[in-house]
Protein backbone atom coordinates (compact mmCIF):
# COMPACT_ATOMS: atom_id res chain seq x y z
CA MET A 1 -60.03 43.61 28.53
CA SER A 2 -62.49 42.61 31.26
CA ASN A 3 -64.50 45.37 33.00
CA PRO A 4 -62.06 48.31 32.77
CA ARG A 5 -62.27 51.24 35.21
CA ILE A 6 -62.95 54.54 33.46
CA TYR A 7 -62.97 58.04 34.91
CA GLN A 8 -65.81 60.33 33.89
CA PRO A 9 -66.69 63.51 35.86
CA THR A 10 -70.43 62.86 35.73
CA ASP A 11 -73.09 62.38 38.40
CA PHE A 12 -74.09 58.71 38.25
CA ASN A 13 -77.37 57.20 39.48
CA THR A 14 -78.23 53.51 39.56
CA ASP A 15 -80.85 52.27 37.10
CA SER A 16 -80.15 55.18 34.77
CA THR A 17 -78.48 55.63 31.40
CA VAL A 18 -75.46 57.87 30.91
CA ALA A 19 -73.74 59.06 27.75
CA LEU A 20 -70.00 58.49 27.68
CA SER A 21 -67.85 61.60 27.62
CA ASP A 22 -65.48 62.12 24.67
CA ASP A 23 -62.50 60.86 26.69
CA ALA A 24 -64.40 57.83 28.01
CA PHE A 25 -65.76 57.05 24.53
CA GLY A 26 -62.29 57.22 23.03
CA HIS A 27 -60.91 54.83 25.62
CA VAL A 28 -63.82 52.39 25.77
CA VAL A 29 -64.77 52.19 22.09
CA ARG A 30 -61.79 53.29 20.02
CA VAL A 31 -59.00 51.85 22.16
CA LEU A 32 -60.56 48.88 23.97
CA ARG A 33 -63.14 48.21 21.22
CA LEU A 34 -65.87 47.26 23.67
CA LYS A 35 -69.34 46.54 22.33
CA VAL A 36 -72.96 46.47 23.46
CA GLY A 37 -73.31 44.15 26.43
CA ASP A 38 -69.74 44.61 27.67
CA GLU A 39 -69.24 45.65 31.28
CA VAL A 40 -67.37 48.76 32.39
CA THR A 41 -66.79 50.43 35.77
CA PHE A 42 -67.02 54.20 36.06
CA PHE A 43 -65.77 56.48 38.83
CA ASN A 44 -66.07 60.23 39.18
CA GLY A 45 -63.95 61.00 42.23
CA ASP A 46 -66.71 60.71 44.85
CA GLY A 47 -65.24 57.57 46.42
CA HIS A 48 -67.49 55.07 44.63
CA ASP A 49 -67.34 52.73 41.68
CA TYR A 50 -70.33 52.50 39.34
CA GLN A 51 -70.84 49.21 37.55
CA ALA A 52 -72.37 49.62 34.10
CA VAL A 53 -73.18 47.77 30.88
CA LEU A 54 -72.87 49.34 27.44
CA ASN A 55 -76.31 49.44 25.85
CA GLU A 56 -75.61 51.53 22.76
CA VAL A 57 -72.40 51.90 20.73
CA SER A 58 -72.07 53.79 17.46
CA LYS A 59 -69.17 55.36 15.59
CA LYS A 60 -69.52 58.64 17.43
CA GLN A 61 -71.19 57.96 20.76
CA ALA A 62 -72.05 55.34 23.34
CA THR A 63 -74.31 54.99 26.37
CA ALA A 64 -74.24 52.72 29.38
CA ASN A 65 -76.75 51.62 32.00
CA ILE A 66 -75.59 52.14 35.58
CA SER A 67 -76.53 49.04 37.56
CA LYS A 68 -74.70 49.28 40.89
CA ARG A 69 -72.91 51.76 43.19
CA THR A 70 -70.11 50.45 45.39
CA ALA A 71 -68.06 52.37 47.97
CA ARG A 72 -64.28 52.03 47.62
CA ASN A 73 -62.60 52.00 51.02
CA ASN A 74 -58.98 51.98 49.94
CA GLU A 75 -57.86 55.50 50.85
CA SER A 76 -55.06 55.83 53.39
CA PRO A 77 -55.81 57.39 56.79
CA LEU A 78 -52.78 59.60 56.14
CA ASN A 79 -53.33 62.67 53.98
CA ILE A 80 -50.17 63.60 52.05
CA HIS A 81 -49.69 66.87 50.17
CA LEU A 82 -46.60 66.53 47.98
CA GLY A 83 -44.69 69.66 47.03
CA GLN A 84 -42.54 68.38 44.17
CA GLY A 85 -39.76 70.37 42.56
CA ILE A 86 -40.47 70.30 38.82
CA SER A 87 -38.18 67.89 36.95
CA ARG A 88 -37.25 67.69 33.28
CA GLY A 89 -38.53 65.12 30.79
CA ASP A 90 -40.67 62.27 31.98
CA ARG A 91 -39.30 62.17 35.54
CA MET A 92 -42.11 64.42 36.74
CA ASP A 93 -44.73 62.25 35.00
CA PHE A 94 -43.28 59.14 36.62
CA THR A 95 -43.23 60.75 40.08
CA LEU A 96 -46.86 61.84 39.84
CA GLN A 97 -48.06 58.47 38.56
CA LYS A 98 -46.33 56.42 41.24
CA SER A 99 -47.09 58.83 44.09
CA VAL A 100 -50.80 58.44 43.31
CA GLU A 101 -50.46 54.66 43.40
CA LEU A 102 -48.86 55.05 46.84
CA GLY A 103 -51.76 57.15 48.13
CA VAL A 104 -50.77 60.82 47.86
CA ASN A 105 -53.79 63.18 48.05
CA THR A 106 -52.61 66.51 46.64
CA ILE A 107 -49.67 67.53 44.47
CA THR A 108 -48.25 71.02 44.00
CA PRO A 109 -45.48 71.28 41.36
CA LEU A 110 -42.86 73.72 42.62
CA PHE A 111 -40.54 76.13 40.87
CA THR A 112 -37.18 76.13 42.64
CA GLU A 113 -33.72 77.49 41.85
CA ARG A 114 -32.60 74.27 40.15
CA CYS A 115 -35.81 73.08 38.49
CA GLY A 116 -34.61 74.21 35.04
CA VAL A 117 -38.13 74.39 33.55
CA LYS A 118 -39.38 77.67 32.09
CA LEU A 119 -42.98 77.88 30.81
CA ASN A 120 -45.33 80.74 30.03
CA ALA A 121 -48.80 80.83 31.61
CA GLU A 122 -50.57 79.09 28.72
CA ARG A 123 -48.06 76.26 28.43
CA LEU A 124 -47.97 75.92 32.21
CA GLU A 125 -51.73 75.34 32.38
CA LYS A 126 -51.53 72.79 29.57
CA LYS A 127 -48.78 71.01 31.47
CA ARG A 128 -50.89 71.01 34.66
CA GLN A 129 -53.80 69.49 32.71
CA GLN A 130 -51.47 66.84 31.32
CA TRP A 131 -50.27 66.02 34.84
CA GLN A 132 -53.89 65.78 36.03
CA LYS A 133 -54.61 63.25 33.27
CA ILE A 134 -51.63 61.18 34.43
CA VAL A 135 -53.10 61.24 37.94
CA ILE A 136 -56.49 60.09 36.65
CA SER A 137 -54.88 57.27 34.68
CA ALA A 138 -53.05 56.16 37.84
CA CYS A 139 -56.37 56.11 39.71
CA GLU A 140 -57.93 53.97 36.97
CA GLN A 141 -55.09 51.48 37.27
CA SER A 142 -54.71 51.41 41.05
CA GLY A 143 -58.40 51.21 41.96
CA ARG A 144 -58.61 54.58 43.70
CA ALA A 145 -62.01 56.26 43.49
CA MET A 146 -60.84 59.58 44.97
CA VAL A 147 -58.84 61.63 42.46
CA PRO A 148 -55.86 63.60 43.81
CA GLU A 149 -55.66 67.22 42.71
CA VAL A 150 -52.70 68.62 40.81
CA ARG A 151 -52.69 72.25 41.90
CA ALA A 152 -51.37 75.15 39.90
CA PRO A 153 -47.56 75.23 40.00
CA ALA A 154 -46.19 77.61 42.61
CA SER A 155 -42.87 79.05 43.69
CA LEU A 156 -41.18 77.46 46.68
CA SER A 157 -41.66 80.66 48.70
CA GLU A 158 -45.41 80.57 48.00
CA TRP A 159 -45.58 76.92 49.10
CA LEU A 160 -43.64 77.60 52.31
CA ALA A 161 -45.90 80.56 53.20
CA GLN A 162 -49.13 78.56 53.01
CA GLU A 163 -50.96 78.06 56.31
CA THR A 164 -51.31 74.43 57.37
CA SER A 165 -51.81 72.29 60.46
CA ALA A 166 -50.03 69.36 58.82
CA LEU A 167 -46.67 67.94 59.84
CA LYS A 168 -44.16 69.61 57.52
CA ILE A 169 -41.23 67.53 56.25
CA ASN A 170 -38.23 68.38 54.10
CA LEU A 171 -35.72 65.76 52.95
CA HIS A 172 -32.14 66.70 53.81
CA PRO A 173 -29.01 64.51 53.44
CA ARG A 174 -27.59 65.85 56.73
CA ALA A 175 -30.78 65.64 58.79
CA PRO A 176 -30.52 64.27 62.36
CA HIS A 177 -33.06 61.45 61.95
CA SER A 178 -35.09 59.47 59.43
CA ILE A 179 -38.83 59.54 58.75
CA MET A 180 -39.23 56.31 60.71
CA GLY A 181 -37.54 57.98 63.67
CA LEU A 182 -39.97 60.88 63.88
CA PRO A 183 -41.29 60.97 67.46
CA MET A 184 -44.66 62.53 66.70
CA SER A 185 -47.79 61.07 65.11
CA ALA A 186 -49.54 62.59 62.12
CA GLU A 187 -52.75 62.42 60.12
CA ARG A 188 -51.70 65.07 57.59
CA VAL A 189 -48.26 65.65 56.10
CA ARG A 190 -46.79 68.22 53.72
CA LEU A 191 -43.80 66.64 52.04
CA LEU A 192 -41.24 68.85 50.28
CA ILE A 193 -39.06 67.22 47.59
CA GLY A 194 -36.45 69.14 45.62
CA PRO A 195 -35.90 68.81 41.85
CA GLU A 196 -32.89 67.31 40.08
CA GLY A 197 -29.88 68.69 41.89
CA GLY A 198 -31.90 69.21 45.06
CA LEU A 199 -32.70 72.39 46.95
CA THR A 200 -30.06 75.05 47.43
CA ASN A 201 -28.69 75.77 50.88
CA GLU A 202 -30.71 78.99 50.92
CA GLU A 203 -33.92 77.08 50.07
CA ILE A 204 -33.22 74.50 52.76
CA GLU A 205 -32.81 77.35 55.24
CA GLN A 206 -36.08 78.92 54.06
CA ALA A 207 -37.87 75.60 54.66
CA SER A 208 -36.31 75.31 58.10
CA ASN A 209 -37.43 78.84 58.97
CA ALA A 210 -40.96 77.81 57.89
CA ASN A 211 -40.83 75.00 60.49
CA TYR A 212 -40.22 72.12 58.11
CA THR A 213 -38.69 69.16 59.93
CA GLU A 214 -35.56 67.90 58.19
CA VAL A 215 -35.34 64.13 57.67
CA LEU A 216 -33.08 61.84 55.68
CA LEU A 217 -33.65 58.66 53.67
CA GLY A 218 -30.50 56.71 54.45
CA PRO A 219 -26.84 57.11 53.51
CA ARG A 220 -27.22 57.13 49.71
CA VAL A 221 -28.05 60.02 47.39
CA LEU A 222 -31.41 59.43 45.68
CA ARG A 223 -32.73 60.87 42.44
CA THR A 224 -35.67 63.24 42.88
CA GLU A 225 -38.24 60.68 41.68
CA THR A 226 -36.73 57.98 43.91
CA ALA A 227 -36.67 60.32 46.90
CA ALA A 228 -40.35 61.23 46.55
CA LEU A 229 -41.55 57.65 46.25
CA THR A 230 -39.30 56.37 49.03
CA ALA A 231 -40.46 59.14 51.35
CA ILE A 232 -44.14 58.51 50.61
CA THR A 233 -43.65 54.80 51.22
CA ALA A 234 -41.90 55.48 54.54
CA LEU A 235 -44.68 57.86 55.58
CA GLN A 236 -47.34 55.29 54.74
CA CYS A 237 -45.42 52.70 56.78
CA LYS A 238 -45.06 55.10 59.71
CA PHE A 239 -48.47 56.77 59.75
CA GLY A 240 -50.61 55.26 56.98
CA ASP A 241 -51.82 51.93 55.64
CA LEU A 242 -48.58 50.16 54.70
CA SER A 243 -47.70 49.20 58.27
């Protein structure tokens, strides 16, 4: 593999040597089997790529020389905070991965009436960490140098009560207009997506009472993962960098 992009939460300085973290070492040496002299690109979430060359590789550790710092200007002008109803199986993983590729900035997994996922506090934190790793992997693949945050899962009522100046949107199959028909402009959006089975009528009413604008995505019923990605794409076309 030629010059892979690797995430490592380290401060990088040009013309300096950095030790690879355990995760980076495992990926670069054990998986990709790179050797001394091979090139690699690091990023740490500060919006830059750091070009480097491996200068020491052993069975247990590796170091690299940082040669160049380059700004990545591929973030959308639209900031999207996705509130995603937690789905079963790998649907949630898929939604997070693809939403990051499409430019989402923040993700809050939501417990709703129909989410069907029950986890204690310890398992919930492990799941959040797993989701964050999926987000990082999506950044490595898509070339993003800013890493979206997966926030601690919250109840829908907690999400709706949060103060925000963003445009608030809730998908609804009987909404009066589509995302593309929204009359206002926006730089920040909070997008609410229900889980498998959607939001209940009571939850839809709660969102409406919290001033969420109801929009639809056409005449067909979409799965939760399809709805999220279609909505993000439409928002990027309307307000972001896919126009």
